[in-house]
Amino acid sequence: SDERNLTEPSTNCAKIEEWLTAS
């Protein structure tokens, strides 16, 4: 899982941003 996050930082960032917006 960690490797995936490092490989796709853009996706991870987008998910965090979406989560913040949802909150």
Protein backbone atom coordinates (compact mmCIF):
# COMPACT_ATOMS: atom_id res chain seq x y z
CA SER A 1 0.00 0.00 0.00
CA ASP A 2 2.81 2.40 0.90
CA GLU A 3 4.52 1.72 -2.43
CA ARG A 4 1.29 2.51 -4.24
CA ASN A 5 1.01 5.87 -2.50
CA LEU A 6 4.58 6.72 -3.47
CA THR A 7 3.97 5.64 -7.04
CA GLU A 8 0.81 7.71 -7.36
CA PRO A 9 1.22 10.80 -5.17
CA SER A 10 -1.16 12.75 -7.39
CA THR A 11 -3.99 10.30 -6.75
CA ASN A 12 -3.28 10.26 -3.04
CA CYS A 13 -3.30 14.06 -2.93
CA ALA A 14 -6.57 14.19 -4.85
CA LYS A 15 -8.19 11.75 -2.42
CA ILE A 16 -7.06 13.78 0.58
CA GLU A 17 -8.33 16.98 -1.01
CA GLU A 18 -11.66 15.32 -1.75
CA TRP A 19 -11.88 14.06 1.83
CA LEU A 20 -11.20 17.55 3.17
CA THR A 21 -13.90 18.97 0.92
CA ALA A 22 -16.33 16.28 2.01
CA SER A 23 -15.67 17.17 5.63
